[in-house]
Amino acid sequence: MKKLFLSTLVIGALSVAAAVDANAWTRSATASGPRGTSSVTATGGCANGSCSRNVTRTGPAGNTYTRTGTVSR
Protein backbone atom coordinates (compact mmCIF):
# COMPACT_ATOMS: atom_id res chain seq x y z
CA MET A 1 0.00 0.00 0.00
CA LYS A 2 2.88 2.38 0.81
CA LYS A 3 4.49 1.76 -2.59
CA LEU A 4 1.22 2.50 -4.39
CA PHE A 5 0.75 5.75 -2.48
CA LEU A 6 4.36 6.82 -3.05
CA SER A 7 4.14 5.98 -6.77
CA THR A 8 0.93 7.98 -7.11
CA LEU A 9 2.50 10.93 -5.31
CA VAL A 10 5.58 10.90 -7.56
CA ILE A 11 3.48 10.63 -10.74
CA GLY A 12 1.30 13.52 -9.57
CA ALA A 13 4.33 15.72 -8.89
CA LEU A 14 5.80 14.96 -12.31
CA SER A 15 2.47 15.76 -13.97
CA VAL A 16 2.38 19.18 -12.30
CA ALA A 17 5.98 19.88 -13.35
CA ALA A 18 5.14 18.95 -16.95
CA ALA A 19 2.11 21.27 -16.93
CA VAL A 20 4.25 24.20 -15.78
CA ASP A 21 6.76 23.61 -18.58
CA ALA A 22 3.92 23.38 -21.11
CA ASN A 23 3.24 27.10 -20.61
CA ALA A 24 6.77 28.12 -21.67
CA TRP A 25 7.63 28.74 -25.32
CA THR A 26 10.56 29.72 -27.54
CA ARG A 27 10.62 30.88 -31.14
CA SER A 28 13.54 31.86 -33.35
CA ALA A 29 14.04 32.75 -36.99
CA THR A 30 16.65 34.16 -39.36
CA ALA A 31 16.28 36.02 -42.63
CA SER A 32 18.89 36.80 -45.26
CA GLY A 33 18.70 39.79 -47.56
CA PRO A 34 20.91 42.01 -49.68
CA ARG A 35 22.31 43.77 -46.56
CA GLY A 36 23.05 40.60 -44.60
CA THR A 37 21.34 38.28 -42.12
CA SER A 38 18.91 39.30 -39.38
CA SER A 39 17.70 37.12 -36.53
CA VAL A 40 14.96 37.17 -33.93
CA THR A 41 14.55 35.09 -30.78
CA ALA A 42 11.45 35.22 -28.60
CA THR A 43 10.75 33.45 -25.32
CA GLY A 44 7.84 33.59 -22.95
CA GLY A 45 5.69 31.81 -20.46
CA CYS A 46 2.88 32.06 -17.96
CA ALA A 47 2.77 31.23 -14.26
CA ASN A 48 0.66 32.28 -11.27
CA GLY A 49 -1.62 34.61 -13.25
CA SER A 50 1.23 36.45 -14.97
CA CYS A 51 2.55 36.08 -18.53
CA SER A 52 5.82 37.51 -19.82
CA ARG A 53 7.81 37.59 -23.03
CA ASN A 54 11.26 38.62 -24.17
CA VAL A 55 12.11 39.37 -27.82
CA THR A 56 15.64 40.03 -29.10
CA ARG A 57 16.29 41.13 -32.67
CA THR A 58 19.73 41.40 -34.26
CA GLY A 59 20.10 43.27 -37.53
CA PRO A 60 22.56 42.67 -40.34
CA ALA A 61 24.94 45.34 -38.97
CA GLY A 62 25.03 43.58 -35.56
CA ASN A 63 22.74 46.04 -33.79
CA THR A 64 20.62 44.35 -31.11
CA TYR A 65 17.18 45.41 -29.91
CA THR A 66 15.50 43.77 -26.90
CA ARG A 67 11.92 44.21 -25.83
CA THR A 68 10.30 42.68 -22.74
CA GLY A 69 6.76 42.71 -21.45
CA THR A 70 4.65 41.32 -18.65
CA VAL A 71 0.90 41.10 -18.20
CA SER A 72 -0.79 40.21 -14.89
CA ARG A 73 -4.38 39.70 -13.88
PDB file of N, CA and C in Angstrom:
ATOM      1  N   MET A   1       0.820  -1.186   0.000  1.00  0.00           N
ATOM      2  CA  MET A   1       0.000   0.000   0.000  1.00  0.00           C
ATOM      3  C   MET A   1       0.873   1.262   0.000  1.00  0.00           C
ATOM      4  N   LYS A   2       1.985   1.224   0.761  1.00  0.00           N
ATOM      5  CA  LYS A   2       2.876   2.376   0.813  1.00  0.00           C
ATOM      6  C   LYS A   2       3.497   2.646  -0.553  1.00  0.00           C
ATOM      7  N   LYS A   3       3.883   1.592  -1.268  1.00  0.00           N
ATOM      8  CA  LYS A   3       4.491   1.760  -2.590  1.00  0.00           C
ATOM      9  C   LYS A   3       3.503   2.374  -3.570  1.00  0.00           C
ATOM     10  N   LEU A   4       2.247   1.949  -3.516  1.00  0.00           N
ATOM     11  CA  LEU A   4       1.223   2.497  -4.395  1.00  0.00           C
ATOM     12  C   LEU A   4       1.009   3.981  -4.117  1.00  0.00           C
ATOM     13  N   PHE A   5       0.932   4.341  -2.848  1.00  0.00           N
ATOM     14  CA  PHE A   5       0.746   5.750  -2.480  1.00  0.00           C
ATOM     15  C   PHE A   5       1.940   6.599  -2.914  1.00  0.00           C
ATOM     16  N   LEU A   6       3.147   6.091  -2.667  1.00  0.00           N
ATOM     17  CA  LEU A   6       4.357   6.815  -3.047  1.00  0.00           C
ATOM     18  C   LEU A   6       4.450   6.968  -4.561  1.00  0.00           C
ATOM     19  N   SER A   7       4.122   5.921  -5.295  1.00  0.00           N
ATOM     20  CA  SER A   7       4.144   5.985  -6.769  1.00  0.00           C
ATOM     21  C   SER A   7       3.140   7.009  -7.281  1.00  0.00           C
ATOM     22  N   THR A   8       1.957   7.019  -6.711  1.00  0.00           N
ATOM     23  CA  THR A   8       0.928   7.977  -7.108  1.00  0.00           C
ATOM     24  C   THR A   8       1.375   9.403  -6.816  1.00  0.00           C
ATOM     25  N   LEU A   9       2.003   9.607  -5.686  1.00  0.00           N
ATOM     26  CA  LEU A   9       2.499  10.932  -5.312  1.00  0.00           C
ATOM     27  C   LEU A   9       3.574  11.416  -6.279  1.00  0.00           C
ATOM     28  N   VAL A  10       4.502  10.541  -6.637  1.00  0.00           N
ATOM     29  CA  VAL A  10       5.576  10.901  -7.565  1.00  0.00           C
ATOM     30  C   VAL A  10       5.010  11.208  -8.950  1.00  0.00           C
ATOM     31  N   ILE A  11       4.095  10.394  -9.429  1.00  0.00           N
ATOM     32  CA  ILE A  11       3.481  10.625 -10.741  1.00  0.00           C
ATOM     33  C   ILE A  11       2.716  11.952 -10.741  1.00  0.00           C
ATOM     34  N   GLY A  12       2.019  12.252  -9.672  1.00  0.00           N
ATOM     35  CA  GLY A  12       1.298  13.523  -9.571  1.00  0.00           C
ATOM     36  C   GLY A  12       2.242  14.711  -9.609  1.00  0.00           C
ATOM     37  N   ALA A  13       3.355  14.616  -8.896  1.00  0.00           N
ATOM     38  CA  ALA A  13       4.329  15.716  -8.888  1.00  0.00           C
ATOM     39  C   ALA A  13       4.935  15.918 -10.267  1.00  0.00           C
ATOM     40  N   LEU A  14       5.246  14.834 -10.960  1.00  0.00           N
ATOM     41  CA  LEU A  14       5.797  14.958 -12.307  1.00  0.00           C
ATOM     42  C   LEU A  14       4.777  15.534 -13.283  1.00  0.00           C
ATOM     43  N   SER A  15       3.515  15.215 -13.107  1.00  0.00           N
ATOM     44  CA  SER A  15       2.467  15.763 -13.966  1.00  0.00           C
ATOM     45  C   SER A  15       2.355  17.268 -13.789  1.00  0.00           C
ATOM     46  N   VAL A  16       2.434  17.740 -12.558  1.00  0.00           N
ATOM     47  CA  VAL A  16       2.377  19.182 -12.297  1.00  0.00           C
ATOM     48  C   VAL A  16       3.587  19.870 -12.902  1.00  0.00           C
ATOM     49  N   ALA A  17       4.763  19.287 -12.772  1.00  0.00           N
ATOM     50  CA  ALA A  17       5.979  19.881 -13.351  1.00  0.00           C
ATOM     51  C   ALA A  17       5.866  19.957 -14.863  1.00  0.00           C
ATOM     52  N   ALA A  18       5.305  18.938 -15.492  1.00  0.00           N
ATOM     53  CA  ALA A  18       5.136  18.948 -16.946  1.00  0.00           C
ATOM     54  C   ALA A  18       4.142  20.021 -17.368  1.00  0.00           C
ATOM     55  N   ALA A  19       3.100  20.244 -16.592  1.00  0.00           N
ATOM     56  CA  ALA A  19       2.109  21.267 -16.928  1.00  0.00           C
ATOM     57  C   ALA A  19       2.709  22.661 -16.846  1.00  0.00           C
ATOM     58  N   VAL A  20       3.599  22.891 -15.888  1.00  0.00           N
ATOM     59  CA  VAL A  20       4.248  24.197 -15.776  1.00  0.00           C
ATOM     60  C   VAL A  20       5.129  24.449 -16.995  1.00  0.00           C
ATOM     61  N   ASP A  21       5.900  23.457 -17.423  1.00  0.00           N
ATOM     62  CA  ASP A  21       6.762  23.606 -18.583  1.00  0.00           C
ATOM     63  C   ASP A  21       5.962  23.778 -19.870  1.00  0.00           C
ATOM     64  N   ALA A  22       4.736  23.275 -19.905  1.00  0.00           N
ATOM     65  CA  ALA A  22       3.919  23.378 -21.114  1.00  0.00           C
ATOM     66  C   ALA A  22       3.534  24.824 -21.405  1.00  0.00           C
ATOM     67  N   ASN A  23       3.596  25.708 -20.409  1.00  0.00           N
ATOM     68  CA  ASN A  23       3.245  27.105 -20.610  1.00  0.00           C
ATOM     69  C   ASN A  23       4.410  27.945 -21.107  1.00  0.00           C
ATOM     70  N   ALA A  24       5.601  27.396 -21.177  1.00  0.00           N
ATOM     71  CA  ALA A  24       6.774  28.120 -21.669  1.00  0.00           C
ATOM     72  C   ALA A  24       6.924  27.879 -23.165  1.00  0.00           C
ATOM     73  N   TRP A  25       7.432  28.875 -23.878  1.00  0.00           N
ATOM     74  CA  TRP A  25       7.625  28.737 -25.321  1.00  0.00           C
ATOM     75  C   TRP A  25       8.854  29.500 -25.775  1.00  0.00           C
ATOM     76  N   THR A  26       9.400  29.084 -26.912  1.00  0.00           N
ATOM     77  CA  THR A  26      10.561  29.722 -27.537  1.00  0.00           C
ATOM     78  C   THR A  26      10.371  29.696 -29.042  1.00  0.00           C
ATOM     79  N   ARG A  27      10.671  30.801 -29.680  1.00  0.00           N
ATOM     80  CA  ARG A  27      10.619  30.885 -31.138  1.00  0.00           C
ATOM     81  C   ARG A  27      11.878  31.588 -31.619  1.00  0.00           C
ATOM     82  N   SER A  28      12.391  31.174 -32.774  1.00  0.00           N
ATOM     83  CA  SER A  28      13.541  31.863 -33.352  1.00  0.00           C
ATOM     84  C   SER A  28      13.468  31.750 -34.869  1.00  0.00           C
ATOM     85  N   ALA A  29      14.035  32.742 -35.526  1.00  0.00           N
ATOM     86  CA  ALA A  29      14.042  32.751 -36.991  1.00  0.00           C
ATOM     87  C   ALA A  29      15.200  33.602 -37.484  1.00  0.00           C
ATOM     88  N   THR A  30      15.634  33.339 -38.700  1.00  0.00           N
ATOM     89  CA  THR A  30      16.649  34.156 -39.358  1.00  0.00           C
ATOM     90  C   THR A  30      16.157  34.485 -40.761  1.00  0.00           C
ATOM     91  N   ALA A  31      16.625  35.606 -41.261  1.00  0.00           N
ATOM     92  CA  ALA A  31      16.280  36.024 -42.625  1.00  0.00           C
ATOM     93  C   ALA A  31      17.522  36.627 -43.266  1.00  0.00           C
ATOM     94  N   SER A  32      17.752  36.261 -44.515  1.00  0.00           N
ATOM     95  CA  SER A  32      18.889  36.798 -45.258  1.00  0.00           C
ATOM     96  C   SER A  32      18.386  37.711 -46.364  1.00  0.00           C
ATOM     97  N   GLY A  33      19.051  38.838 -46.522  1.00  0.00           N
ATOM     98  CA  GLY A  33      18.697  39.789 -47.564  1.00  0.00           C
ATOM     99  C   GLY A  33      19.942  40.391 -48.170  1.00  0.00           C
ATOM    100  N   PRO A  34      19.755  41.403 -49.007  1.00  0.00           N
ATOM    101  CA  PRO A  34      20.909  42.011 -49.680  1.00  0.00           C
ATOM    102  C   PRO A  34      21.884  42.697 -48.720  1.00  0.00           C
ATOM    103  N   ARG A  35      21.430  43.089 -47.532  1.00  0.00           N
ATOM    104  CA  ARG A  35      22.309  43.765 -46.565  1.00  0.00           C
ATOM    105  C   ARG A  35      22.933  42.820 -45.549  1.00  0.00           C
ATOM    106  N   GLY A  36      22.509  41.555 -45.542  1.00  0.00           N
ATOM    107  CA  GLY A  36      23.054  40.596 -44.596  1.00  0.00           C
ATOM    108  C   GLY A  36      21.962  39.767 -43.951  1.00  0.00           C
ATOM    109  N   THR A  37      22.266  39.170 -42.819  1.00  0.00           N
ATOM    110  CA  THR A  37      21.345  38.282 -42.118  1.00  0.00           C
ATOM    111  C   THR A  37      20.848  38.928 -40.836  1.00  0.00           C
ATOM    112  N   SER A  38      19.551  38.826 -40.603  1.00  0.00           N
ATOM    113  CA  SER A  38      18.914  39.297 -39.377  1.00  0.00           C
ATOM    114  C   SER A  38      18.361  38.096 -38.636  1.00  0.00           C
ATOM    115  N   SER A  39      18.262  38.214 -37.317  1.00  0.00           N
ATOM    116  CA  SER A  39      17.697  37.120 -36.531  1.00  0.00           C
ATOM    117  C   SER A  39      16.781  37.661 -35.451  1.00  0.00           C
ATOM    118  N   VAL A  40      15.857  36.824 -35.034  1.00  0.00           N
ATOM    119  CA  VAL A  40      14.956  37.172 -33.931  1.00  0.00           C
ATOM    120  C   VAL A  40      14.783  35.931 -33.063  1.00  0.00           C
ATOM    121  N   THR A  41      14.801  36.145 -31.754  1.00  0.00           N
ATOM    122  CA  THR A  41      14.549  35.087 -30.783  1.00  0.00           C
ATOM    123  C   THR A  41      13.537  35.604 -29.789  1.00  0.00           C
ATOM    124  N   ALA A  42      12.490  34.831 -29.550  1.00  0.00           N
ATOM    125  CA  ALA A  42      11.448  35.221 -28.598  1.00  0.00           C
ATOM    126  C   ALA A  42      11.201  34.080 -27.628  1.00  0.00           C
ATOM    127  N   THR A  43      11.065  34.426 -26.353  1.00  0.00           N
ATOM    128  CA  THR A  43      10.748  33.447 -25.319  1.00  0.00           C
ATOM    129  C   THR A  43       9.635  34.006 -24.452  1.00  0.00           C
ATOM    130  N   GLY A  44       8.903  33.133 -23.823  1.00  0.00           N
ATOM    131  CA  GLY A  44       7.835  33.589 -22.950  1.00  0.00           C
ATOM    132  C   GLY A  44       7.260  32.453 -22.144  1.00  0.00           C
ATOM    133  N   GLY A  45       6.349  32.811 -21.273  1.00  0.00           N
ATOM    134  CA  GLY A  45       5.693  31.807 -20.458  1.00  0.00           C
ATOM    135  C   GLY A  45       4.711  32.436 -19.500  1.00  0.00           C
ATOM    136  N   CYS A  46       3.883  31.612 -18.917  1.00  0.00           N
ATOM    137  CA  CYS A  46       2.878  32.063 -17.961  1.00  0.00           C
ATOM    138  C   CYS A  46       2.981  31.241 -16.684  1.00  0.00           C
ATOM    139  N   ALA A  47       2.787  31.909 -15.556  1.00  0.00           N
ATOM    140  CA  ALA A  47       2.766  31.232 -14.261  1.00  0.00           C
ATOM    141  C   ALA A  47       2.105  32.143 -13.242  1.00  0.00           C
ATOM    142  N   ASN A  48       1.285  31.567 -12.393  1.00  0.00           N
ATOM    143  CA  ASN A  48       0.663  32.280 -11.269  1.00  0.00           C
ATOM    144  C   ASN A  48      -0.082  33.542 -11.706  1.00  0.00           C
ATOM    145  N   GLY A  49      -0.813  33.476 -12.802  1.00  0.00           N
ATOM    146  CA  GLY A  49      -1.618  34.608 -13.254  1.00  0.00           C
ATOM    147  C   GLY A  49      -0.837  35.704 -13.944  1.00  0.00           C
ATOM    148  N   SER A  50       0.401  35.456 -14.314  1.00  0.00           N
ATOM    149  CA  SER A  50       1.229  36.453 -14.970  1.00  0.00           C
ATOM    150  C   SER A  50       1.904  35.836 -16.194  1.00  0.00           C
ATOM    151  N   CYS A  51       1.897  36.551 -17.304  1.00  0.00           N
ATOM    152  CA  CYS A  51       2.551  36.085 -18.528  1.00  0.00           C
ATOM    153  C   CYS A  51       3.612  37.107 -18.930  1.00  0.00           C
ATOM    154  N   SER A  52       4.749  36.605 -19.412  1.00  0.00           N
ATOM    155  CA  SER A  52       5.817  37.508 -19.818  1.00  0.00           C
ATOM    156  C   SER A  52       6.434  37.017 -21.112  1.00  0.00           C
ATOM    157  N   ARG A  53       7.117  37.935 -21.806  1.00  0.00           N
ATOM    158  CA  ARG A  53       7.812  37.587 -23.034  1.00  0.00           C
ATOM    159  C   ARG A  53       9.066  38.433 -23.152  1.00  0.00           C
ATOM    160  N   ASN A  54      10.007  37.932 -23.934  1.00  0.00           N
ATOM    161  CA  ASN A  54      11.261  38.622 -24.173  1.00  0.00           C
ATOM    162  C   ASN A  54      11.620  38.391 -25.642  1.00  0.00           C
ATOM    163  N   VAL A  55      11.791  39.466 -26.400  1.00  0.00           N
ATOM    164  CA  VAL A  55      12.112  39.366 -27.821  1.00  0.00           C
ATOM    165  C   VAL A  55      13.430  40.096 -28.069  1.00  0.00           C
ATOM    166  N   THR A  56      14.363  39.426 -28.743  1.00  0.00           N
ATOM    167  CA  THR A  56      15.639  40.028 -29.098  1.00  0.00           C
ATOM    168  C   THR A  56      15.816  39.933 -30.606  1.00  0.00           C
ATOM    169  N   ARG A  57      16.060  41.080 -31.227  1.00  0.00           N
ATOM    170  CA  ARG A  57      16.295  41.130 -32.668  1.00  0.00           C
ATOM    171  C   ARG A  57      17.716  41.611 -32.910  1.00  0.00           C
ATOM    172  N   THR A  58      18.389  40.990 -33.857  1.00  0.00           N
ATOM    173  CA  THR A  58      19.730  41.404 -34.258  1.00  0.00           C
ATOM    174  C   THR A  58      19.704  41.676 -35.748  1.00  0.00           C
ATOM    175  N   GLY A  59      20.109  42.877 -36.129  1.00  0.00           N
ATOM    176  CA  GLY A  59      20.102  43.273 -37.525  1.00  0.00           C
ATOM    177  C   GLY A  59      21.368  42.860 -38.240  1.00  0.00           C
ATOM    178  N   PRO A  60      21.404  43.088 -39.547  1.00  0.00           N
ATOM    179  CA  PRO A  60      22.563  42.674 -40.341  1.00  0.00           C
ATOM    180  C   PRO A  60      23.849  43.401 -39.965  1.00  0.00           C
ATOM    181  N   ALA A  61      23.747  44.593 -39.384  1.00  0.00           N
ATOM    182  CA  ALA A  61      24.939  45.340 -38.967  1.00  0.00           C
ATOM    183  C   ALA A  61      25.396  44.951 -37.562  1.00  0.00           C
ATOM    184  N   GLY A  62      24.665  44.005 -36.910  1.00  0.00           N
ATOM    185  CA  GLY A  62      25.033  43.583 -35.565  1.00  0.00           C
ATOM    186  C   GLY A  62      24.335  44.343 -34.461  1.00  0.00           C
ATOM    187  N   ASN A  63      23.487  45.299 -34.805  1.00  0.00           N
ATOM    188  CA  ASN A  63      22.738  46.038 -33.790  1.00  0.00           C
ATOM    189  C   ASN A  63      21.697  45.118 -33.161  1.00  0.00           C
ATOM    190  N   THR A  64      21.562  45.201 -31.833  1.00  0.00           N
ATOM    191  CA  THR A  64      20.625  44.345 -31.113  1.00  0.00           C
ATOM    192  C   THR A  64      19.565  45.200 -30.435  1.00  0.00           C
ATOM    193  N   TYR A  65      18.316  44.727 -30.519  1.00  0.00           N
ATOM    194  CA  TYR A  65      17.175  45.406 -29.914  1.00  0.00           C
ATOM    195  C   TYR A  65      16.435  44.382 -29.070  1.00  0.00           C
ATOM    196  N   THR A  66      16.207  44.685 -27.803  1.00  0.00           N
ATOM    197  CA  THR A  66      15.503  43.773 -26.902  1.00  0.00           C
ATOM    198  C   THR A  66      14.257  44.449 -26.365  1.00  0.00           C
ATOM    199  N   ARG A  67      13.176  43.690 -26.360  1.00  0.00           N
ATOM    200  CA  ARG A  67      11.918  44.208 -25.829  1.00  0.00           C
ATOM    201  C   ARG A  67      11.329  43.160 -24.891  1.00  0.00           C
ATOM    202  N   THR A  68      10.909  43.588 -23.716  1.00  0.00           N
ATOM    203  CA  THR A  68      10.300  42.684 -22.739  1.00  0.00           C
ATOM    204  C   THR A  68       8.926  43.205 -22.354  1.00  0.00           C
ATOM    205  N   GLY A  69       8.086  42.308 -21.906  1.00  0.00           N
ATOM    206  CA  GLY A  69       6.758  42.709 -21.454  1.00  0.00           C
ATOM    207  C   GLY A  69       6.171  41.680 -20.511  1.00  0.00           C
ATOM    208  N   THR A  70       5.316  42.160 -19.603  1.00  0.00           N
ATOM    209  CA  THR A  70       4.648  41.316 -18.647  1.00  0.00           C
ATOM    210  C   THR A  70       3.215  41.771 -18.485  1.00  0.00           C
ATOM    211  N   VAL A  71       2.304  40.819 -18.419  1.00  0.00           N
ATOM    212  CA  VAL A  71       0.896  41.099 -18.196  1.00  0.00           C
ATOM    213  C   VAL A  71       0.442  40.270 -17.006  1.00  0.00           C
ATOM    214  N   SER A  72      -0.276  40.907 -16.073  1.00  0.00           N
ATOM    215  CA  SER A  72      -0.788  40.208 -14.886  1.00  0.00           C
ATOM    216  C   SER A  72      -2.282  40.451 -14.760  1.00  0.00           C
ATOM    217  N   ARG A  73      -2.957  39.504 -14.143  1.00  0.00           N
ATOM    218  CA  ARG A  73      -4.380  39.697 -13.883  1.00  0.00           C
ATOM    219  C   ARG A  73      -4.559  40.460 -12.609  1.00  0.00           C
TER     220      ARG A  73
END
